[in-house]
Amino acid sequence: TPSPVSATMVFVGDLMCLAGQQYVATKQASEGAKYDFRPSFEYVKPILAGADCAVGNLETMLSKSSPYSAQQKKSGGMPHCNGPAIYLQALKYAGFDALVMANNHCCDAGKQGIIDTIDAVESYGFPHTGVFKSADEKRYIILDIKGVKVALLSYAEFYNGKQGCVSGSEYMLNTYSEEVCRRDVAAAKADGAEFIVAYNHWGAEHTHKPTDKVRRHAQEMADAGVDLIIGSHSHSMQPIVWLTASDGRKVYCCYSLGNFVSSMSPDTAKDTVIVEL
């Protein structure tokens, strides 16, 4: 009989890289560097680094193929989220171990932006899921946390109408549906997963109340076998509740953890939480 294992994971919400953050990062950079985003994480670094695994939602593209947010704030009436790859240096400094990448800004820098962002994330050594370069890739990753196999899934429900950039390569995005979630959970369990965490980018912005659709999809995810649900997109805190799955399991559901780091001005965007498991 194996000895009991104790492991700790922490989860945070949206890791933005907006124009305001980019302006400040240029001022914080030392001579010879263009950006330094690390000071933003100075006070949370001990918490994140103290966990066996820290996970966040990377809500920006990191591609030279498209203007950065500081040069182009809007695109098609929506925020244009794209920044320098050195942003990942700050996430590594802060203690993040894995990133989810499915969100409504996945297509802001086009198909090439997705490829460039994946390449950048991999160059910094982050396990990741949510966007893909190949149709053959697994739609999840399994993290070995001190011998405990934790599956990490990442979905988005919309892409600001820009998903046409991957026409013919729709596999590059991981769009939520109950059928897709059930398929991914079953595959992860068959792959040895003992615990399943799923992020879903959903709902309405700047509200503390999850929509009826979000609540319905959360219940679907619980019934599909997800053990911990993390929500994002609202940029504001939303309720954290226990759901009862169809098989009787209690599933911890965080409808939205809000922004973890951003330069957004609304008061609703300035509260956040770190979930520890």
Protein backbone atom coordinates (compact mmCIF):
# COMPACT_ATOMS: atom_id res chain seq x y z
CA THR A 1 0.00 0.00 0.00
CA PRO A 2 1.54 3.31 -1.02
CA SER A 3 2.05 5.95 1.65
CA PRO A 4 -0.36 8.91 1.68
CA VAL A 5 0.76 11.87 -0.41
CA SER A 6 0.10 15.51 0.38
CA ALA A 7 0.24 17.98 -2.52
CA THR A 8 -0.83 21.60 -2.91
CA MET A 9 -2.09 23.37 -6.02
CA VAL A 10 -3.12 27.01 -6.38
CA PHE A 11 -5.29 28.53 -9.11
CA VAL A 12 -5.72 32.15 -10.18
CA GLY A 13 -7.84 34.02 -12.71
CA ASP A 14 -6.96 36.16 -15.70
CA LEU A 15 -3.31 37.02 -16.40
CA MET A 16 -3.77 40.07 -18.59
CA CYS A 17 -1.06 41.98 -20.46
CA LEU A 18 -2.88 45.18 -21.39
CA ALA A 19 -1.60 48.50 -22.70
CA GLY A 20 -1.30 50.04 -19.23
CA GLN A 21 0.74 47.10 -18.01
CA GLN A 22 2.99 47.33 -21.05
CA TYR A 23 3.57 51.08 -20.53
CA VAL A 24 4.61 50.50 -16.92
CA ALA A 25 6.77 47.48 -17.82
CA THR A 26 8.83 49.68 -20.15
CA LYS A 27 9.50 52.10 -17.29
CA GLN A 28 10.44 49.27 -14.94
CA ALA A 29 12.91 47.70 -17.37
CA SER A 30 16.60 47.94 -16.64
CA GLU A 31 19.06 49.24 -19.20
CA GLY A 32 19.18 47.00 -22.25
CA ALA A 33 15.72 45.51 -21.68
CA LYS A 34 12.46 46.71 -23.21
CA TYR A 35 10.05 45.36 -20.58
CA ASP A 36 10.01 44.07 -17.03
CA PHE A 37 6.64 42.79 -15.77
CA ARG A 38 8.08 41.06 -12.69
CA PRO A 39 7.33 43.77 -10.08
CA SER A 40 3.58 43.14 -10.54
CA PHE A 41 4.01 39.74 -8.89
CA GLU A 42 6.39 40.69 -6.08
CA TYR A 43 3.88 40.26 -3.24
CA VAL A 44 2.26 37.03 -4.46
CA LYS A 45 5.47 35.27 -5.44
CA PRO A 46 5.90 33.59 -2.00
CA ILE A 47 2.35 32.19 -2.18
CA LEU A 48 2.64 30.86 -5.72
CA ALA A 49 6.18 29.56 -5.30
CA GLY A 50 5.17 27.80 -2.08
CA ALA A 51 2.66 25.56 -3.87
CA ASP A 52 3.58 22.34 -5.60
CA CYS A 53 1.79 23.62 -8.71
CA ALA A 54 0.38 27.05 -9.61
CA VAL A 55 -1.97 27.52 -12.58
CA GLY A 56 -3.32 30.68 -14.25
CA ASN A 57 -5.26 31.76 -17.33
CA LEU A 58 -2.99 33.43 -19.89
CA GLU A 59 -5.40 35.94 -21.43
CA THR A 60 -3.21 37.51 -24.05
CA MET A 61 -1.47 36.60 -27.26
CA LEU A 62 2.31 36.92 -27.35
CA SER A 63 3.20 37.47 -30.99
CA LYS A 64 5.41 39.80 -33.02
CA SER A 65 3.11 39.21 -36.00
CA SER A 66 0.54 41.66 -34.64
CA PRO A 67 0.71 45.04 -32.86
CA TYR A 68 1.01 44.91 -29.09
CA SER A 69 -1.85 46.31 -27.00
CA ALA A 70 0.15 49.46 -26.27
CA GLN A 71 0.23 50.22 -30.02
CA GLN A 72 -3.30 49.06 -30.84
CA LYS A 73 -5.79 49.05 -28.00
CA LYS A 74 -8.85 48.07 -30.04
CA SER A 75 -9.62 45.72 -32.90
CA GLY A 76 -13.10 45.40 -34.34
CA GLY A 77 -14.44 47.38 -31.40
CA MET A 78 -13.00 44.94 -28.88
CA PRO A 79 -9.80 45.12 -26.81
CA HIS A 80 -6.77 43.89 -28.72
CA CYS A 81 -4.80 41.63 -26.38
CA ASN A 82 -1.26 40.99 -27.54
CA GLY A 83 2.05 41.56 -25.82
CA PRO A 84 5.75 40.71 -25.78
CA ALA A 85 6.81 37.15 -25.04
CA ILE A 86 9.03 38.40 -22.19
CA TYR A 87 5.79 38.69 -20.18
CA LEU A 88 6.31 34.97 -19.55
CA GLN A 89 9.53 35.79 -17.71
CA ALA A 90 7.38 37.43 -15.04
CA LEU A 91 5.07 34.42 -14.82
CA LYS A 92 8.09 32.15 -14.38
CA TYR A 93 9.47 34.54 -11.73
CA ALA A 94 6.11 34.55 -9.93
CA GLY A 95 6.11 30.76 -9.63
CA PHE A 96 3.52 29.64 -12.17
CA ASP A 97 3.93 26.04 -13.27
CA ALA A 98 1.22 25.58 -15.94
CA LEU A 99 -1.02 27.80 -18.06
CA VAL A 100 -4.48 27.50 -19.58
CA MET A 101 -4.90 29.45 -22.81
CA ALA A 102 -8.49 29.14 -24.07
CA ASN A 103 -10.21 32.54 -23.89
CA ASN A 104 -12.05 35.08 -26.03
CA HIS A 105 -8.81 36.78 -27.09
CA CYS A 106 -7.21 33.65 -28.59
CA CYS A 107 -7.69 34.96 -32.11
CA ASP A 108 -6.66 38.60 -31.58
CA ALA A 109 -3.35 38.07 -33.41
CA GLY A 110 -4.76 35.61 -35.93
CA LYS A 111 -3.67 32.07 -36.64
CA GLN A 112 0.01 33.00 -36.60
CA GLY A 113 -0.50 34.63 -33.22
CA ILE A 114 -1.74 31.34 -31.77
CA ILE A 115 1.29 29.52 -33.14
CA ASP A 116 3.70 32.19 -31.88
CA THR A 117 2.10 32.21 -28.42
CA ILE A 118 2.31 28.45 -28.08
CA ASP A 119 5.95 28.54 -29.17
CA ALA A 120 6.72 31.25 -26.61
CA VAL A 121 4.99 29.39 -23.79
CA GLU A 122 6.89 26.23 -24.65
CA SER A 123 10.19 28.10 -24.88
CA TYR A 124 9.71 29.15 -21.24
CA GLY A 125 8.95 25.57 -20.26
CA PHE A 126 5.29 25.92 -19.29
CA PRO A 127 2.95 22.94 -19.70
CA HIS A 128 -0.18 24.33 -21.35
CA THR A 129 -3.55 23.51 -22.88
CA GLY A 130 -6.50 25.29 -24.49
CA VAL A 131 -5.02 26.14 -27.91
CA PHE A 132 -3.21 23.72 -30.21
CA LYS A 133 -0.93 23.59 -33.23
CA SER A 134 -1.82 20.04 -34.26
CA ALA A 135 -5.07 18.10 -34.60
CA ASP A 136 -3.30 15.11 -33.04
CA GLU A 137 -2.60 16.76 -29.67
CA LYS A 138 -4.42 15.64 -26.56
CA ARG A 139 -7.08 18.14 -25.50
CA TYR A 140 -5.75 18.17 -21.94
CA ILE A 141 -2.51 17.85 -20.05
CA ILE A 142 -1.79 15.63 -17.07
CA LEU A 143 0.34 17.18 -14.35
CA ASP A 144 2.23 14.90 -11.97
CA ILE A 145 1.91 16.69 -8.64
CA LYS A 146 4.08 14.72 -6.21
CA GLY A 147 2.80 11.49 -7.73
CA VAL A 148 -0.84 12.58 -8.02
CA LYS A 149 -2.00 12.73 -11.64
CA VAL A 150 -4.11 15.86 -12.16
CA ALA A 151 -5.70 16.50 -15.56
CA LEU A 152 -6.02 20.13 -16.65
CA LEU A 153 -8.62 21.13 -19.26
CA SER A 154 -9.26 24.56 -20.79
CA TYR A 155 -12.28 25.77 -22.79
CA ALA A 156 -13.63 29.02 -24.22
CA GLU A 157 -17.19 29.70 -25.33
CA PHE A 158 -16.58 32.58 -27.78
CA TYR A 159 -13.76 34.41 -29.57
CA ASN A 160 -15.13 37.92 -30.19
CA GLY A 161 -16.20 36.83 -33.67
CA LYS A 162 -12.59 36.30 -34.82
CA GLN A 163 -12.57 32.49 -34.98
CA GLY A 164 -12.64 32.67 -38.78
CA CYS A 165 -8.87 33.11 -38.68
CA VAL A 166 -8.53 29.37 -38.04
CA SER A 167 -11.01 28.30 -40.74
CA GLY A 168 -9.97 24.84 -41.85
CA SER A 169 -7.91 24.45 -38.68
CA GLU A 170 -10.68 24.64 -36.09
CA TYR A 171 -8.80 22.11 -33.95
CA MET A 172 -6.55 24.99 -32.85
CA LEU A 173 -9.31 26.22 -30.51
CA ASN A 174 -10.96 24.31 -27.66
CA THR A 175 -14.60 25.39 -27.67
CA TYR A 176 -16.83 24.18 -24.86
CA SER A 177 -19.74 21.83 -25.36
CA GLU A 178 -21.11 19.17 -23.06
CA GLU A 179 -20.17 16.49 -25.59
CA VAL A 180 -16.60 17.77 -25.89
CA CYS A 181 -16.21 17.98 -22.11
CA ARG A 182 -17.45 14.42 -21.61
CA ARG A 183 -15.07 13.19 -24.31
CA ASP A 184 -12.08 14.96 -22.77
CA VAL A 185 -12.85 13.81 -19.22
CA ALA A 186 -13.20 10.21 -20.37
CA ALA A 187 -9.91 10.41 -22.29
CA ALA A 188 -8.08 11.96 -19.34
CA LYS A 189 -9.34 9.27 -16.96
CA ALA A 190 -8.31 6.56 -19.42
CA ASP A 191 -4.89 8.25 -19.43
CA GLY A 192 -4.58 7.82 -15.66
CA ALA A 193 -5.96 11.09 -14.32
CA GLU A 194 -7.00 10.86 -10.66
CA PHE A 195 -8.38 14.39 -10.33
CA ILE A 196 -9.72 16.67 -13.08
CA VAL A 197 -9.60 20.48 -13.13
CA ALA A 198 -11.32 22.45 -15.89
CA TYR A 199 -11.17 26.16 -16.68
CA ASN A 200 -14.02 27.61 -18.75
CA HIS A 201 -13.99 31.10 -20.23
CA TRP A 202 -17.68 32.05 -20.17
CA GLY A 203 -20.44 34.44 -19.15
CA ALA A 204 -20.74 38.23 -19.10
CA GLU A 205 -18.14 40.85 -18.26
CA HIS A 206 -18.11 43.16 -15.24
CA THR A 207 -20.79 41.42 -13.24
CA HIS A 208 -20.68 39.51 -9.99
CA LYS A 209 -23.57 37.29 -11.10
CA PRO A 210 -23.04 34.20 -13.28
CA THR A 211 -25.54 33.90 -16.09
CA ASP A 212 -28.09 31.08 -16.26
CA LYS A 213 -26.09 29.61 -19.15
CA VAL A 214 -22.91 29.60 -17.07
CA ARG A 215 -24.69 27.83 -14.21
CA ARG A 216 -26.08 25.25 -16.62
CA HIS A 217 -22.69 24.60 -18.20
CA ALA A 218 -21.06 24.31 -14.77
CA GLN A 219 -23.54 21.59 -13.83
CA GLU A 220 -22.82 19.83 -17.13
CA MET A 221 -19.10 19.87 -16.36
CA ALA A 222 -19.66 18.48 -12.88
CA ASP A 223 -21.89 15.73 -14.27
CA ALA A 224 -19.24 14.95 -16.90
CA GLY A 225 -16.72 14.14 -14.17
CA VAL A 226 -14.84 17.39 -13.57
CA ASP A 227 -13.72 17.66 -9.92
CA LEU A 228 -12.83 21.37 -9.76
CA ILE A 229 -14.28 24.09 -12.00
CA ILE A 230 -12.54 27.45 -12.47
CA GLY A 231 -14.33 30.18 -14.43
CA SER A 232 -13.04 33.34 -16.05
CA HIS A 233 -13.96 36.19 -18.44
CA SER A 234 -16.12 38.36 -16.18
CA HIS A 235 -13.01 40.25 -14.91
CA SER A 236 -14.80 40.35 -11.57
CA MET A 237 -15.32 38.02 -8.66
CA GLN A 238 -18.32 35.68 -8.79
CA PRO A 239 -19.68 33.13 -6.28
CA ILE A 240 -17.71 30.09 -5.22
CA VAL A 241 -20.09 27.21 -4.53
CA TRP A 242 -20.37 23.47 -4.11
CA LEU A 243 -22.26 21.68 -6.88
CA THR A 244 -23.66 18.16 -6.56
CA ALA A 245 -22.84 16.04 -9.59
CA SER A 246 -25.22 13.44 -10.98
CA ASP A 247 -23.12 10.69 -9.34
CA GLY A 248 -23.32 12.39 -5.94
CA ARG A 249 -19.83 13.93 -5.92
CA LYS A 250 -19.39 17.39 -4.44
CA VAL A 251 -17.71 19.63 -7.01
CA TYR A 252 -16.07 22.94 -6.05
CA CYS A 253 -17.08 25.57 -8.61
CA CYS A 254 -15.53 29.04 -8.83
CA TYR A 255 -17.68 30.87 -11.38
CA SER A 256 -15.00 33.54 -11.79
CA LEU A 257 -11.78 34.33 -9.95
CA GLY A 258 -11.61 37.79 -11.55
CA ASN A 259 -8.45 39.36 -12.93
CA PHE A 260 -5.27 38.25 -11.22
CA VAL A 261 -3.22 41.00 -12.82
CA SER A 262 -4.41 43.74 -15.19
CA SER A 263 -4.61 47.50 -15.72
CA MET A 264 -8.38 47.59 -16.11
CA SER A 265 -10.01 50.60 -14.45
CA PRO A 266 -13.49 49.44 -13.27
CA ASP A 267 -13.70 48.73 -9.55
CA THR A 268 -15.22 45.32 -10.33
CA ALA A 269 -11.91 44.35 -11.95
CA LYS A 270 -9.76 45.02 -8.89
CA ASP A 271 -10.65 42.12 -6.60
CA THR A 272 -9.27 38.62 -6.97
CA VAL A 273 -8.61 35.43 -5.05
CA ILE A 274 -6.14 32.58 -5.02
CA VAL A 275 -7.79 29.17 -4.68
CA GLU A 276 -5.70 26.61 -2.82
CA LEU A 277 -6.34 22.87 -3.23
